[in-house]
Amino acid sequence: MVARTMAQKTVSRRQFLSGVAAGSVGLLLAGCAPKPAGQQGAAPTQAAGVQPAPAEKVTITHWQHHNEARAAIVKSLSEEFMQANPTVSVVFESVPYDAYFDKVVTSLEAGSGPDVYQIPANIAIEFYNRKQIIAVPDEVMSRADIEKEFVPWTVRLLKFQGDYYGLPTDVQVWPLYVNTDLASAAGLDIEKGPQTWDEFREWAKALTKRDSSGNLEQAGVDICASAYQYLLLSDARPALPMPAGGRQL
């Protein structure tokens, strides 16, 4: 998820262009809205021989936590974007993960943070409460288009008070890797694999080995877990086993 910083409710032309150019998150356009009907001034005229003012140069800073593959893609996309938009300069920085969040939070608190930055969706509310992200404007992507283009659970955590405050840049999925040698030795169908959670459980039991004393010699399954996974699971509301009288997530 990427987000755009905002110090105040009004925005400058630079902020507006930054949001539109980034294409990931935009700005609250309180200071850029057109006048109501009846208050519009006369259209400006251009004197003969007078050249229009050159387009304003815009610099956009974008931060993300480092991943070599993603950094290469974002850098390439930034270069393509600058070629198509010569008045815009994108300054991209890929920060090592162990230093990234300290750098983002510290810079935002100091008022010198990036224009666009990447954060996990499940912590977006912290930045929203500190007024360090702003709503995606219709000029970038309307609420209707966001809900049409993205799977609901990928943007649910980015919606506050009816507006979306970010767009997903990537979504992690959990693939199943099978040790085909061990599975074949256990008589399991490695071409088909487990198709349901019940089958997955049976595979895990078949692949589990213990010695005569009951000590584990071979784990039938190994699941890499993190706090983020539990938050995602609770948001997607899967059917999880729970004790009698327990509360559904």
C-alpha atoms as a PDB file:
ATOM      1  CA  MET A   1       0.000   0.000   0.000  1.00  0.00           C
ATOM      2  CA  VAL A   2       1.203   3.475  -0.714  1.00  0.00           C
ATOM      3  CA  ALA A   3       0.130   6.646   0.934  1.00  0.00           C
ATOM      4  CA  ARG A   4       0.564  10.357   0.389  1.00  0.00           C
ATOM      5  CA  THR A   5       1.461  12.792   3.150  1.00  0.00           C
ATOM      6  CA  MET A   6      -0.436  15.981   3.926  1.00  0.00           C
ATOM      7  CA  ALA A   7       0.464  18.626   6.454  1.00  0.00           C
ATOM      8  CA  GLN A   8      -2.774  20.605   6.118  1.00  0.00           C
ATOM      9  CA  LYS A   9      -6.195  20.287   4.508  1.00  0.00           C
ATOM     10  CA  THR A  10      -5.372  22.588   1.594  1.00  0.00           C
ATOM     11  CA  VAL A  11      -3.000  21.415  -1.102  1.00  0.00           C
ATOM     12  CA  SER A  12      -0.620  23.063  -3.495  1.00  0.00           C
ATOM     13  CA  ARG A  13      -0.340  22.524  -7.234  1.00  0.00           C
ATOM     14  CA  ARG A  14       2.775  20.472  -6.537  1.00  0.00           C
ATOM     15  CA  GLN A  15       0.854  18.202  -4.182  1.00  0.00           C
ATOM     16  CA  PHE A  16      -1.953  17.779  -6.675  1.00  0.00           C
ATOM     17  CA  LEU A  17       0.399  16.875  -9.497  1.00  0.00           C
ATOM     18  CA  SER A  18       2.334  14.582  -7.202  1.00  0.00           C
ATOM     19  CA  GLY A  19      -0.756  12.618  -6.349  1.00  0.00           C
ATOM     20  CA  VAL A  20      -1.998  12.377  -9.904  1.00  0.00           C
ATOM     21  CA  ALA A  21       1.414  11.501 -11.270  1.00  0.00           C
ATOM     22  CA  ALA A  22       2.045   8.840  -8.673  1.00  0.00           C
ATOM     23  CA  GLY A  23      -1.167   7.107  -9.621  1.00  0.00           C
ATOM     24  CA  SER A  24      -1.225   5.278  -6.302  1.00  0.00           C
ATOM     25  CA  VAL A  25      -2.690   7.687  -3.822  1.00  0.00           C
ATOM     26  CA  GLY A  26      -3.819  11.233  -4.329  1.00  0.00           C
ATOM     27  CA  LEU A  27      -4.747  14.209  -2.283  1.00  0.00           C
ATOM     28  CA  LEU A  28      -7.614  15.873  -0.529  1.00  0.00           C
ATOM     29  CA  LEU A  29      -8.366  18.632  -3.020  1.00  0.00           C
ATOM     30  CA  ALA A  30      -9.898  21.157  -0.617  1.00  0.00           C
ATOM     31  CA  GLY A  31      -7.725  23.949  -1.931  1.00  0.00           C
ATOM     32  CA  CYS A  32      -8.039  23.024  -5.597  1.00  0.00           C
ATOM     33  CA  ALA A  33     -11.794  22.751  -6.081  1.00  0.00           C
ATOM     34  CA  PRO A  34     -13.350  24.956  -8.802  1.00  0.00           C
ATOM     35  CA  LYS A  35     -15.619  27.837  -7.836  1.00  0.00           C
ATOM     36  CA  PRO A  36     -19.358  27.126  -7.663  1.00  0.00           C
ATOM     37  CA  ALA A  37     -21.459  27.940 -10.708  1.00  0.00           C
ATOM     38  CA  GLY A  38     -22.050  31.675 -10.992  1.00  0.00           C
ATOM     39  CA  GLN A  39     -18.761  32.566  -9.348  1.00  0.00           C
ATOM     40  CA  GLN A  40     -16.498  31.660 -12.232  1.00  0.00           C
ATOM     41  CA  GLY A  41     -14.487  34.553 -13.614  1.00  0.00           C
ATOM     42  CA  ALA A  42     -14.181  35.324 -17.304  1.00  0.00           C
ATOM     43  CA  ALA A  43     -11.894  33.040 -19.280  1.00  0.00           C
ATOM     44  CA  PRO A  44      -8.411  34.574 -19.518  1.00  0.00           C
ATOM     45  CA  THR A  45      -7.253  35.788 -22.897  1.00  0.00           C
ATOM     46  CA  GLN A  46      -3.760  35.549 -24.295  1.00  0.00           C
ATOM     47  CA  ALA A  47      -2.184  38.547 -25.964  1.00  0.00           C
ATOM     48  CA  ALA A  48      -0.925  38.067 -29.495  1.00  0.00           C
ATOM     49  CA  GLY A  49       2.677  36.979 -29.632  1.00  0.00           C
ATOM     50  CA  VAL A  50       2.842  36.070 -25.950  1.00  0.00           C
ATOM     51  CA  GLN A  51       4.080  32.561 -25.304  1.00  0.00           C
ATOM     52  CA  PRO A  52       2.292  30.488 -22.637  1.00  0.00           C
ATOM     53  CA  ALA A  53       4.198  29.961 -19.407  1.00  0.00           C
ATOM     54  CA  PRO A  54       6.196  26.728 -19.353  1.00  0.00           C
ATOM     55  CA  ALA A  55       4.737  23.847 -17.395  1.00  0.00           C
ATOM     56  CA  GLU A  56       5.743  23.811 -13.752  1.00  0.00           C
ATOM     57  CA  LYS A  57       8.459  21.338 -12.865  1.00  0.00           C
ATOM     58  CA  VAL A  58       7.354  18.780 -10.304  1.00  0.00           C
ATOM     59  CA  THR A  59       9.453  16.420  -8.191  1.00  0.00           C
ATOM     60  CA  ILE A  60       7.830  13.406  -6.542  1.00  0.00           C
ATOM     61  CA  THR A  61       9.590  11.385  -3.873  1.00  0.00           C
ATOM     62  CA  HIS A  62       8.570   7.769  -3.414  1.00  0.00           C
ATOM     63  CA  TRP A  63       9.823   5.419  -0.701  1.00  0.00           C
ATOM     64  CA  GLN A  64       9.359   1.708  -0.239  1.00  0.00           C
ATOM     65  CA  HIS A  65      10.989  -0.950   1.920  1.00  0.00           C
ATOM     66  CA  HIS A  66      13.620  -2.768  -0.064  1.00  0.00           C
ATOM     67  CA  ASN A  67      12.991  -5.790  -2.203  1.00  0.00           C
ATOM     68  CA  GLU A  68      15.340  -6.252  -5.134  1.00  0.00           C
ATOM     69  CA  ALA A  69      12.727  -7.507  -7.582  1.00  0.00           C
ATOM     70  CA  ARG A  70      10.159  -4.852  -6.709  1.00  0.00           C
ATOM     71  CA  ALA A  71      12.759  -2.084  -6.597  1.00  0.00           C
ATOM     72  CA  ALA A  72      13.826  -2.939 -10.148  1.00  0.00           C
ATOM     73  CA  ILE A  73      10.222  -2.866 -11.354  1.00  0.00           C
ATOM     74  CA  VAL A  74       9.400   0.436  -9.644  1.00  0.00           C
ATOM     75  CA  LYS A  75      12.590   2.034 -10.937  1.00  0.00           C
ATOM     76  CA  SER A  76      11.742   0.934 -14.477  1.00  0.00           C
ATOM     77  CA  LEU A  77       8.177   2.227 -14.172  1.00  0.00           C
ATOM     78  CA  SER A  78       9.462   5.527 -12.794  1.00  0.00           C
ATOM     79  CA  GLU A  79      11.761   5.961 -15.781  1.00  0.00           C
ATOM     80  CA  GLU A  80       8.935   5.175 -18.198  1.00  0.00           C
ATOM     81  CA  PHE A  81       6.693   7.653 -16.421  1.00  0.00           C
ATOM     82  CA  MET A  82       9.290  10.429 -16.568  1.00  0.00           C
ATOM     83  CA  GLN A  83       9.787   9.847 -20.289  1.00  0.00           C
ATOM     84  CA  ALA A  84       6.050  10.220 -20.838  1.00  0.00           C
ATOM     85  CA  ASN A  85       5.872  13.219 -18.463  1.00  0.00           C
ATOM     86  CA  PRO A  86       9.040  15.298 -18.979  1.00  0.00           C
ATOM     87  CA  THR A  87       7.980  17.977 -16.468  1.00  0.00           C
ATOM     88  CA  VAL A  88       7.873  15.424 -13.658  1.00  0.00           C
ATOM     89  CA  SER A  89      10.882  14.006 -11.844  1.00  0.00           C
ATOM     90  CA  VAL A  90      10.438  10.902  -9.691  1.00  0.00           C
ATOM     91  CA  VAL A  91      12.971  10.414  -6.909  1.00  0.00           C
ATOM     92  CA  PHE A  92      12.698   6.778  -5.882  1.00  0.00           C
ATOM     93  CA  GLU A  93      14.315   5.346  -2.767  1.00  0.00           C
ATOM     94  CA  SER A  94      14.236   1.717  -1.667  1.00  0.00           C
ATOM     95  CA  VAL A  95      15.073   1.590   2.051  1.00  0.00           C
ATOM     96  CA  PRO A  96      16.294  -1.524   3.919  1.00  0.00           C
ATOM     97  CA  TYR A  97      13.391  -3.083   5.781  1.00  0.00           C
ATOM     98  CA  ASP A  98      14.959  -2.930   9.245  1.00  0.00           C
ATOM     99  CA  ALA A  99      15.338   0.855   8.956  1.00  0.00           C
ATOM    100  CA  TYR A 100      12.335   1.682   6.804  1.00  0.00           C
ATOM    101  CA  PHE A 101       9.534   2.290   9.292  1.00  0.00           C
ATOM    102  CA  ASP A 102      11.703   4.321  11.664  1.00  0.00           C
ATOM    103  CA  LYS A 103      12.728   6.501   8.743  1.00  0.00           C
ATOM    104  CA  VAL A 104       9.163   6.965   7.487  1.00  0.00           C
ATOM    105  CA  VAL A 105       7.671   7.799  10.885  1.00  0.00           C
ATOM    106  CA  THR A 106      10.528  10.117  11.882  1.00  0.00           C
ATOM    107  CA  SER A 107      10.455  12.029   8.599  1.00  0.00           C
ATOM    108  CA  LEU A 108       6.680  12.411   8.628  1.00  0.00           C
ATOM    109  CA  GLU A 109       6.698  13.710  12.192  1.00  0.00           C
ATOM    110  CA  ALA A 110       9.358  16.220  11.141  1.00  0.00           C
ATOM    111  CA  GLY A 111       7.261  17.324   8.165  1.00  0.00           C
ATOM    112  CA  SER A 112       9.870  16.235   5.637  1.00  0.00           C
ATOM    113  CA  GLY A 113       8.534  12.854   4.582  1.00  0.00           C
ATOM    114  CA  PRO A 114       8.116  11.503   1.054  1.00  0.00           C
ATOM    115  CA  ASP A 115       5.227  12.377  -1.240  1.00  0.00           C
ATOM    116  CA  VAL A 116       4.296   8.730  -1.701  1.00  0.00           C
ATOM    117  CA  TYR A 117       5.272   5.807   0.489  1.00  0.00           C
ATOM    118  CA  GLN A 118       4.539   2.159   1.003  1.00  0.00           C
ATOM    119  CA  ILE A 119       3.087   0.716   4.210  1.00  0.00           C
ATOM    120  CA  PRO A 120       1.172  -2.459   5.062  1.00  0.00           C
ATOM    121  CA  ALA A 121      -2.576  -1.926   4.820  1.00  0.00           C
ATOM    122  CA  ASN A 122      -3.203  -3.144   8.342  1.00  0.00           C
ATOM    123  CA  ILE A 123      -1.307  -0.202   9.863  1.00  0.00           C
ATOM    124  CA  ALA A 124      -2.800   2.470   7.590  1.00  0.00           C
ATOM    125  CA  ILE A 125      -5.193   3.508  10.359  1.00  0.00           C
ATOM    126  CA  GLU A 126      -2.243   4.663  12.474  1.00  0.00           C
ATOM    127  CA  PHE A 127      -1.168   7.072   9.724  1.00  0.00           C
ATOM    128  CA  TYR A 128      -4.772   8.142   9.138  1.00  0.00           C
ATOM    129  CA  ASN A 129      -5.201   9.016  12.808  1.00  0.00           C
ATOM    130  CA  ARG A 130      -2.018  11.104  12.673  1.00  0.00           C
ATOM    131  CA  LYS A 131      -3.261  12.834   9.490  1.00  0.00           C
ATOM    132  CA  GLN A 132      -0.268  11.561   7.522  1.00  0.00           C
ATOM    133  CA  ILE A 133      -2.224  10.089   4.622  1.00  0.00           C
ATOM    134  CA  ILE A 134      -4.937  11.679   2.536  1.00  0.00           C
ATOM    135  CA  ALA A 135      -7.856  10.394   0.546  1.00  0.00           C
ATOM    136  CA  VAL A 136      -7.514   9.198  -3.037  1.00  0.00           C
ATOM    137  CA  PRO A 137      -9.192  11.875  -5.199  1.00  0.00           C
ATOM    138  CA  ASP A 138     -11.510  11.057  -8.072  1.00  0.00           C
ATOM    139  CA  GLU A 139      -8.898  12.511 -10.454  1.00  0.00           C
ATOM    140  CA  VAL A 140      -6.671   9.561  -9.583  1.00  0.00           C
ATOM    141  CA  MET A 141      -9.316   6.883  -9.040  1.00  0.00           C
ATOM    142  CA  SER A 142     -12.916   7.209  -7.932  1.00  0.00           C
ATOM    143  CA  ARG A 143     -14.362   5.194  -5.084  1.00  0.00           C
ATOM    144  CA  ALA A 144     -16.603   3.373  -7.560  1.00  0.00           C
ATOM    145  CA  ASP A 145     -13.619   2.451  -9.733  1.00  0.00           C
ATOM    146  CA  ILE A 146     -11.594   1.293  -6.733  1.00  0.00           C
ATOM    147  CA  GLU A 147     -14.406  -1.009  -5.651  1.00  0.00           C
ATOM    148  CA  LYS A 148     -14.806  -2.245  -9.221  1.00  0.00           C
ATOM    149  CA  GLU A 149     -11.142  -2.913  -9.944  1.00  0.00           C
ATOM    150  CA  PHE A 150      -9.923  -4.420  -6.669  1.00  0.00           C
ATOM    151  CA  VAL A 151     -10.964  -7.500  -4.731  1.00  0.00           C
ATOM    152  CA  PRO A 152     -12.832  -6.126  -1.669  1.00  0.00           C
ATOM    153  CA  TRP A 153     -10.521  -7.489   1.018  1.00  0.00           C
ATOM    154  CA  THR A 154      -7.461  -5.867  -0.592  1.00  0.00           C
ATOM    155  CA  VAL A 155      -8.811  -2.352   0.011  1.00  0.00           C
ATOM    156  CA  ARG A 156     -11.063  -2.829   3.045  1.00  0.00           C
ATOM    157  CA  LEU A 157      -8.361  -1.761   5.485  1.00  0.00           C
ATOM    158  CA  LEU A 158      -7.698   1.403   3.463  1.00  0.00           C
ATOM    159  CA  LYS A 159     -11.191   2.867   3.812  1.00  0.00           C
ATOM    160  CA  PHE A 160     -11.962   5.437   6.504  1.00  0.00           C
ATOM    161  CA  GLN A 161     -15.115   7.526   6.844  1.00  0.00           C
ATOM    162  CA  GLY A 162     -16.261   6.477   3.372  1.00  0.00           C
ATOM    163  CA  ASP A 163     -13.039   7.368   1.525  1.00  0.00           C
ATOM    164  CA  TYR A 164     -10.076   5.271   0.432  1.00  0.00           C
ATOM    165  CA  TYR A 165      -6.680   6.423   1.649  1.00  0.00           C
ATOM    166  CA  GLY A 166      -4.459   4.182  -0.424  1.00  0.00           C
ATOM    167  CA  LEU A 167      -4.318   1.642  -3.195  1.00  0.00           C
ATOM    168  CA  PRO A 168      -2.765  -1.832  -3.049  1.00  0.00           C
ATOM    169  CA  THR A 169       0.542  -2.209  -4.850  1.00  0.00           C
ATOM    170  CA  ASP A 170       0.902  -5.925  -4.238  1.00  0.00           C
ATOM    171  CA  VAL A 171      -0.943  -8.691  -2.455  1.00  0.00           C
ATOM    172  CA  GLN A 172       0.811 -11.614  -0.825  1.00  0.00           C
ATOM    173  CA  VAL A 173      -0.481 -15.140  -1.314  1.00  0.00           C
ATOM    174  CA  TRP A 174       0.601 -18.282   0.456  1.00  0.00           C
ATOM    175  CA  PRO A 175       1.660 -21.063  -1.907  1.00  0.00           C
ATOM    176  CA  LEU A 176       1.948 -24.690  -0.872  1.00  0.00           C
ATOM    177  CA  TYR A 177       5.340 -26.271  -1.446  1.00  0.00           C
ATOM    178  CA  VAL A 178       5.486 -30.061  -1.420  1.00  0.00           C
ATOM    179  CA  ASN A 179       8.538 -32.242  -0.844  1.00  0.00           C
ATOM    180  CA  THR A 180       7.702 -34.668  -3.627  1.00  0.00           C
ATOM    181  CA  ASP A 181      10.191 -37.300  -2.446  1.00  0.00           C
ATOM    182  CA  LEU A 182       8.638 -37.500   1.014  1.00  0.00           C
ATOM    183  CA  ALA A 183       5.094 -37.308  -0.359  1.00  0.00           C
ATOM    184  CA  SER A 184       5.746 -40.120  -2.851  1.00  0.00           C
ATOM    185  CA  ALA A 185       7.288 -42.282  -0.135  1.00  0.00           C
ATOM    186  CA  ALA A 186       4.126 -41.748   1.936  1.00  0.00           C
ATOM    187  CA  GLY A 187       1.960 -42.899  -0.988  1.00  0.00           C
ATOM    188  CA  LEU A 188       0.434 -39.468  -1.638  1.00  0.00           C
ATOM    189  CA  ASP A 189      -0.634 -38.203  -5.069  1.00  0.00           C
ATOM    190  CA  ILE A 190       1.953 -35.549  -5.870  1.00  0.00           C
ATOM    191  CA  GLU A 191       0.373 -34.748  -9.235  1.00  0.00           C
ATOM    192  CA  LYS A 192      -2.902 -33.699  -7.643  1.00  0.00           C
ATOM    193  CA  GLY A 193      -1.889 -32.509  -4.201  1.00  0.00           C
ATOM    194  CA  PRO A 194      -4.335 -31.706  -1.381  1.00  0.00           C
ATOM    195  CA  GLN A 195      -7.445 -29.969  -2.720  1.00  0.00           C
ATOM    196  CA  THR A 196      -9.226 -29.120   0.539  1.00  0.00           C
ATOM    197  CA  TRP A 197      -8.263 -28.273   4.105  1.00  0.00           C
ATOM    198  CA  ASP A 198      -9.368 -31.747   5.164  1.00  0.00           C
ATOM    199  CA  GLU A 199      -7.050 -33.294   2.574  1.00  0.00           C
ATOM    200  CA  PHE A 200      -4.283 -30.945   3.674  1.00  0.00           C
ATOM    201  CA  ARG A 201      -4.696 -32.230   7.230  1.00  0.00           C
ATOM    202  CA  GLU A 202      -4.537 -35.834   6.016  1.00  0.00           C
ATOM    203  CA  TRP A 203      -1.355 -35.091   4.093  1.00  0.00           C
ATOM    204  CA  ALA A 204       0.195 -33.509   7.183  1.00  0.00           C
ATOM    205  CA  LYS A 205      -0.695 -36.550   9.288  1.00  0.00           C
ATOM    206  CA  ALA A 206       0.642 -38.970   6.663  1.00  0.00           C
ATOM    207  CA  LEU A 207       3.936 -37.078   6.446  1.00  0.00           C
ATOM    208  CA  THR A 208       4.440 -36.826  10.202  1.00  0.00           C
ATOM    209  CA  LYS A 209       6.822 -39.361  11.746  1.00  0.00           C
ATOM    210  CA  ARG A 210       7.581 -40.047  15.406  1.00  0.00           C
ATOM    211  CA  ASP A 211       9.959 -42.440  17.117  1.00  0.00           C
ATOM    212  CA  SER A 212       8.915 -45.206  19.516  1.00  0.00           C
ATOM    213  CA  SER A 213       8.859 -42.692  22.375  1.00  0.00           C
ATOM    214  CA  GLY A 214       6.586 -40.315  20.521  1.00  0.00           C
ATOM    215  CA  ASN A 215       9.272 -37.760  19.766  1.00  0.00           C
ATOM    216  CA  LEU A 216       8.842 -35.906  16.497  1.00  0.00           C
ATOM    217  CA  GLU A 217      11.258 -37.035  13.811  1.00  0.00           C
ATOM    218  CA  GLN A 218       9.610 -35.503  10.748  1.00  0.00           C
ATOM    219  CA  ALA A 219       7.066 -32.691  10.724  1.00  0.00           C
ATOM    220  CA  GLY A 220       4.270 -33.266   8.262  1.00  0.00           C
ATOM    221  CA  VAL A 221       3.788 -29.562   7.654  1.00  0.00           C
ATOM    222  CA  ASP A 222       5.639 -26.369   8.466  1.00  0.00           C
ATOM    223  CA  ILE A 223       3.715 -23.105   8.355  1.00  0.00           C
ATOM    224  CA  CYS A 224       5.553 -19.806   8.315  1.00  0.00           C
ATOM    225  CA  ALA A 225       3.493 -17.524  10.550  1.00  0.00           C
ATOM    226  CA  SER A 226       3.599 -13.835  11.399  1.00  0.00           C
ATOM    227  CA  ALA A 227       1.415 -11.276  13.143  1.00  0.00           C
ATOM    228  CA  TYR A 228       0.362  -9.889   9.764  1.00  0.00           C
ATOM    229  CA  GLN A 229      -1.123 -13.219   8.748  1.00  0.00           C
ATOM    230  CA  TYR A 230      -3.425 -13.320  11.749  1.00  0.00           C
ATOM    231  CA  LEU A 231      -4.670  -9.814  10.997  1.00  0.00           C
ATOM    232  CA  LEU A 232      -5.322 -10.735   7.376  1.00  0.00           C
ATOM    233  CA  LEU A 233      -7.064 -13.937   8.352  1.00  0.00           C
ATOM    234  CA  SER A 234      -9.333 -12.172  10.812  1.00  0.00           C
ATOM    235  CA  ASP A 235     -10.203  -9.551   8.196  1.00  0.00           C
ATOM    236  CA  ALA A 236     -11.071 -12.181   5.591  1.00  0.00           C
ATOM    237  CA  ARG A 237     -13.118 -13.977   8.278  1.00  0.00           C
ATOM    238  CA  PRO A 238     -12.312 -17.601   7.449  1.00  0.00           C
ATOM    239  CA  ALA A 239     -13.903 -20.519   9.255  1.00  0.00           C
ATOM    240  CA  LEU A 240     -11.430 -21.140  12.063  1.00  0.00           C
ATOM    241  CA  PRO A 241     -11.812 -23.813  14.755  1.00  0.00           C
ATOM    242  CA  MET A 242     -12.668 -22.428  18.178  1.00  0.00           C
ATOM    243  CA  PRO A 243     -13.538 -23.862  21.585  1.00  0.00           C
ATOM    244  CA  ALA A 244     -17.124 -24.342  22.688  1.00  0.00           C
ATOM    245  CA  GLY A 245     -18.561 -21.015  23.710  1.00  0.00           C
ATOM    246  CA  GLY A 246     -15.797 -19.199  21.881  1.00  0.00           C
ATOM    247  CA  ARG A 247     -16.287 -16.068  19.842  1.00  0.00           C
ATOM    248  CA  GLN A 248     -16.084 -16.114  16.042  1.00  0.00           C
ATOM    249  CA  LEU A 249     -13.402 -13.872  14.605  1.00  0.00           C
END
